[in-house]
Structures are given as structure tokens and as C-alpha cells.
């Protein structure tokens, strides 16, 4: 996550078949190239060849990050890698995003545990 809007660029596949996150990110960059604030990446599931449910899962992932980190809408880049053709377990991913967001401090990255004296 960035405290300030960031400019972004990306190189995408030229394949006719594009995973939901690729389509999402292409549209995001076309609309909002200069104000990205976060990136979320999952592995194990490419969210590719998943149709409308995959597109909805990608959008839900971005929204979960934006809400958890209190960044503006349409400011999160989504990337996925892994198995093709399997629906993304979006509920599990969103729950993980919420848990992870509580472990970060905007000023210092991951929250540091205080040493017990």
C-alpha cells in the first residue's frame, strides 16, 4: 500500500484469452493510471477461464483491499497466478485480506511486536 497515489504501467499478455485480473487491471489502468494505491496478489489460483464469476471475484478482491486499507475506490491492482479454470475462493481471500490488513501500520509496514520486559 502507498500513502500517496502512484503512477503505474504494465505489460499484459497479447493472448485473446485473458484472466479476470488481467482484464480488470487493463480497465483500471485505462481509467486510473496515475492514482493507484495498493496491489494484491494471490497464488494457487489464476482466476483464469472463470467467466463472470471470476470477474466478480476480482472486483470483490479489489474492493476488500480498498476497504481494509481505507484507500480510494478503483485504486487497487489485482494479480493472480496458479491453476487455470478453477473458481477463485473469494470468501477465503477476502477473509485473509481483512486479517492481513490488521497486521500493517501505515507508518512502518508490518506492525512490530513490542518486546516484553
C-alpha atoms as a PDB file:
ATOM      1  CA  UNK A   1       0.000   0.000   0.000  1.00  0.00           C
ATOM      2  CA  UNK A   2       1.114   3.516  -0.736  1.00  0.00           C
ATOM      3  CA  UNK A   3       0.060   6.530   1.296  1.00  0.00           C
ATOM      4  CA  UNK A   4       0.210   8.595  -1.893  1.00  0.00           C
ATOM      5  CA  UNK A   5      -1.257   7.939  -5.361  1.00  0.00           C
ATOM      6  CA  UNK A   6       1.235   6.175  -7.632  1.00  0.00           C
ATOM      7  CA  UNK A   7       1.631   6.176 -11.383  1.00  0.00           C
ATOM      8  CA  UNK A   8       1.531   2.732 -12.933  1.00  0.00           C
ATOM      9  CA  UNK A   9       2.341   0.922 -16.134  1.00  0.00           C
ATOM     10  CA  UNK A  10       2.010  -2.730 -17.045  1.00  0.00           C
ATOM     11  CA  UNK A  11       2.781  -5.139 -19.838  1.00  0.00           C
ATOM     12  CA  UNK A  12      -0.106  -7.525 -20.475  1.00  0.00           C
ATOM     13  CA  UNK A  13      -0.473 -10.703 -22.477  1.00  0.00           C
ATOM     14  CA  UNK A  14      -1.444 -10.367 -26.119  1.00  0.00           C
ATOM     15  CA  UNK A  15      -3.377 -13.635 -25.936  1.00  0.00           C
ATOM     16  CA  UNK A  16      -7.072 -13.402 -26.807  1.00  0.00           C
ATOM     17  CA  UNK A  17      -7.840 -15.373 -23.645  1.00  0.00           C
ATOM     18  CA  UNK A  18      -7.156 -13.179 -20.619  1.00  0.00           C
ATOM     19  CA  UNK A  19      -7.700 -13.970 -16.954  1.00  0.00           C
ATOM     20  CA  UNK A  20     -10.181 -11.882 -14.990  1.00  0.00           C
ATOM     21  CA  UNK A  21      -7.443  -9.957 -13.125  1.00  0.00           C
ATOM     22  CA  UNK A  22      -5.756  -9.080 -16.432  1.00  0.00           C
ATOM     23  CA  UNK A  23      -8.981  -7.641 -17.829  1.00  0.00           C
ATOM     24  CA  UNK A  24      -9.656  -5.840 -14.543  1.00  0.00           C
ATOM     25  CA  UNK A  25      -6.174  -4.296 -14.427  1.00  0.00           C
ATOM     26  CA  UNK A  26      -6.278  -3.268 -18.089  1.00  0.00           C
ATOM     27  CA  UNK A  27      -9.530  -1.394 -17.471  1.00  0.00           C
ATOM     28  CA  UNK A  28      -8.196   0.114 -14.247  1.00  0.00           C
ATOM     29  CA  UNK A  29      -5.060   1.439 -15.928  1.00  0.00           C
ATOM     30  CA  UNK A  30      -7.078   2.848 -18.825  1.00  0.00           C
ATOM     31  CA  UNK A  31      -9.161   4.813 -16.322  1.00  0.00           C
ATOM     32  CA  UNK A  32      -6.805   5.499 -13.425  1.00  0.00           C
ATOM     33  CA  UNK A  33      -3.145   5.253 -14.456  1.00  0.00           C
ATOM     34  CA  UNK A  34      -1.901   7.889 -12.013  1.00  0.00           C
ATOM     35  CA  UNK A  35      -3.639   7.102  -8.735  1.00  0.00           C
ATOM     36  CA  UNK A  36      -3.002   3.501  -7.733  1.00  0.00           C
ATOM     37  CA  UNK A  37      -2.570   2.896  -4.025  1.00  0.00           C
ATOM     38  CA  UNK A  38      -2.383  -0.870  -3.487  1.00  0.00           C
ATOM     39  CA  UNK A  39      -1.547  -4.201  -5.088  1.00  0.00           C
ATOM     40  CA  UNK A  40      -2.975  -7.542  -4.031  1.00  0.00           C
ATOM     41  CA  UNK A  41      -1.523 -10.812  -5.330  1.00  0.00           C
ATOM     42  CA  UNK A  42      -2.745 -14.343  -4.759  1.00  0.00           C
ATOM     43  CA  UNK A  43      -1.086 -17.563  -5.802  1.00  0.00           C
ATOM     44  CA  UNK A  44      -2.509 -21.021  -6.282  1.00  0.00           C
ATOM     45  CA  UNK A  45      -5.443 -19.874  -8.408  1.00  0.00           C
ATOM     46  CA  UNK A  46      -5.051 -17.878 -11.624  1.00  0.00           C
ATOM     47  CA  UNK A  47      -8.743 -16.898 -11.759  1.00  0.00           C
ATOM     48  CA  UNK A  48      -8.499 -17.575 -15.495  1.00  0.00           C
ATOM     49  CA  UNK A  49     -11.233 -19.065 -17.688  1.00  0.00           C
ATOM     50  CA  UNK A  50     -13.733 -18.469 -14.882  1.00  0.00           C
ATOM     51  CA  UNK A  51     -16.197 -16.196 -16.717  1.00  0.00           C
ATOM     52  CA  UNK A  52     -18.442 -13.677 -14.980  1.00  0.00           C
ATOM     53  CA  UNK A  53     -17.888 -15.219 -11.513  1.00  0.00           C
ATOM     54  CA  UNK A  54     -14.139 -14.694 -11.964  1.00  0.00           C
ATOM     55  CA  UNK A  55     -14.663 -11.045 -12.898  1.00  0.00           C
ATOM     56  CA  UNK A  56     -16.890 -10.560  -9.851  1.00  0.00           C
ATOM     57  CA  UNK A  57     -14.299 -12.254  -7.623  1.00  0.00           C
ATOM     58  CA  UNK A  58     -11.577  -9.947  -8.936  1.00  0.00           C
ATOM     59  CA  UNK A  59     -13.693  -6.862  -8.247  1.00  0.00           C
ATOM     60  CA  UNK A  60     -14.596  -8.155  -4.776  1.00  0.00           C
ATOM     61  CA  UNK A  61     -10.911  -8.703  -4.026  1.00  0.00           C
ATOM     62  CA  UNK A  62     -10.035  -5.137  -5.015  1.00  0.00           C
ATOM     63  CA  UNK A  63     -12.929  -3.711  -3.014  1.00  0.00           C
ATOM     64  CA  UNK A  64     -11.904  -5.732   0.060  1.00  0.00           C
ATOM     65  CA  UNK A  65      -8.373  -4.320  -0.130  1.00  0.00           C
ATOM     66  CA  UNK A  66      -9.617  -0.770  -0.623  1.00  0.00           C
ATOM     67  CA  UNK A  67     -11.976  -1.013   2.335  1.00  0.00           C
ATOM     68  CA  UNK A  68      -9.479  -2.757   4.614  1.00  0.00           C
ATOM     69  CA  UNK A  69      -6.731  -0.233   3.870  1.00  0.00           C
ATOM     70  CA  UNK A  70      -9.026   2.810   3.577  1.00  0.00           C
ATOM     71  CA  UNK A  71      -7.797   3.739   0.111  1.00  0.00           C
ATOM     72  CA  UNK A  72      -9.979   5.231  -2.631  1.00  0.00           C
ATOM     73  CA  UNK A  73     -12.148   3.031  -4.850  1.00  0.00           C
ATOM     74  CA  UNK A  74     -10.561   1.861  -8.088  1.00  0.00           C
ATOM     75  CA  UNK A  75      -7.017   2.204  -6.779  1.00  0.00           C
ATOM     76  CA  UNK A  76      -6.029  -1.451  -6.297  1.00  0.00           C
ATOM     77  CA  UNK A  77      -4.254  -3.596  -8.852  1.00  0.00           C
ATOM     78  CA  UNK A  78      -5.156  -7.319  -8.651  1.00  0.00           C
ATOM     79  CA  UNK A  79      -2.864 -10.163  -9.737  1.00  0.00           C
ATOM     80  CA  UNK A  80      -3.392 -13.918  -9.590  1.00  0.00           C
ATOM     81  CA  UNK A  81      -1.255 -16.883 -10.538  1.00  0.00           C
ATOM     82  CA  UNK A  82      -1.854 -20.603 -10.344  1.00  0.00           C
ATOM     83  CA  UNK A  83      -4.323 -23.195 -11.531  1.00  0.00           C
ATOM     84  CA  UNK A  84      -6.475 -22.210 -14.516  1.00  0.00           C
ATOM     85  CA  UNK A  85     -10.214 -22.869 -14.743  1.00  0.00           C
ATOM     86  CA  UNK A  86     -10.946 -23.167 -11.041  1.00  0.00           C
ATOM     87  CA  UNK A  87     -13.242 -20.623  -9.366  1.00  0.00           C
ATOM     88  CA  UNK A  88     -11.412 -18.262  -7.034  1.00  0.00           C
ATOM     89  CA  UNK A  89     -12.395 -18.890  -3.391  1.00  0.00           C
ATOM     90  CA  UNK A  90     -13.229 -15.223  -2.935  1.00  0.00           C
ATOM     91  CA  UNK A  91     -14.685 -15.564   0.569  1.00  0.00           C
ATOM     92  CA  UNK A  92     -11.447 -17.123   1.799  1.00  0.00           C
ATOM     93  CA  UNK A  93      -9.383 -14.475   0.011  1.00  0.00           C
ATOM     94  CA  UNK A  94     -11.434 -11.584   1.421  1.00  0.00           C
ATOM     95  CA  UNK A  95     -11.155 -13.018   4.941  1.00  0.00           C
ATOM     96  CA  UNK A  96      -7.378 -13.237   4.506  1.00  0.00           C
ATOM     97  CA  UNK A  97      -7.210  -9.652   3.271  1.00  0.00           C
ATOM     98  CA  UNK A  98      -9.058  -8.466   6.363  1.00  0.00           C
ATOM     99  CA  UNK A  99      -6.749 -10.427   8.660  1.00  0.00           C
ATOM    100  CA  UNK A 100      -3.614  -9.212   6.884  1.00  0.00           C
ATOM    101  CA  UNK A 101      -4.702  -5.560   6.881  1.00  0.00           C
ATOM    102  CA  UNK A 102      -4.813  -5.585  10.684  1.00  0.00           C
ATOM    103  CA  UNK A 103      -1.154  -6.574  10.753  1.00  0.00           C
ATOM    104  CA  UNK A 104       0.026  -3.438   8.964  1.00  0.00           C
ATOM    105  CA  UNK A 105       0.797   0.015  10.222  1.00  0.00           C
ATOM    106  CA  UNK A 106       0.783   2.727   7.536  1.00  0.00           C
ATOM    107  CA  UNK A 107       3.896   4.365   9.002  1.00  0.00           C
ATOM    108  CA  UNK A 108       6.052   1.268   9.416  1.00  0.00           C
ATOM    109  CA  UNK A 109       4.763  -1.615   7.316  1.00  0.00           C
ATOM    110  CA  UNK A 110       4.140  -4.789   9.315  1.00  0.00           C
ATOM    111  CA  UNK A 111       3.357  -3.937  12.930  1.00  0.00           C
ATOM    112  CA  UNK A 112       6.246  -4.579  15.189  1.00  0.00           C
ATOM    113  CA  UNK A 113       5.694  -6.606  18.290  1.00  0.00           C
ATOM    114  CA  UNK A 114       6.868  -4.920  21.430  1.00  0.00           C
ATOM    115  CA  UNK A 115       9.405  -6.862  23.363  1.00  0.00           C
ATOM    116  CA  UNK A 116       8.107  -7.945  26.739  1.00  0.00           C
ATOM    117  CA  UNK A 117      10.319  -6.781  29.563  1.00  0.00           C
END
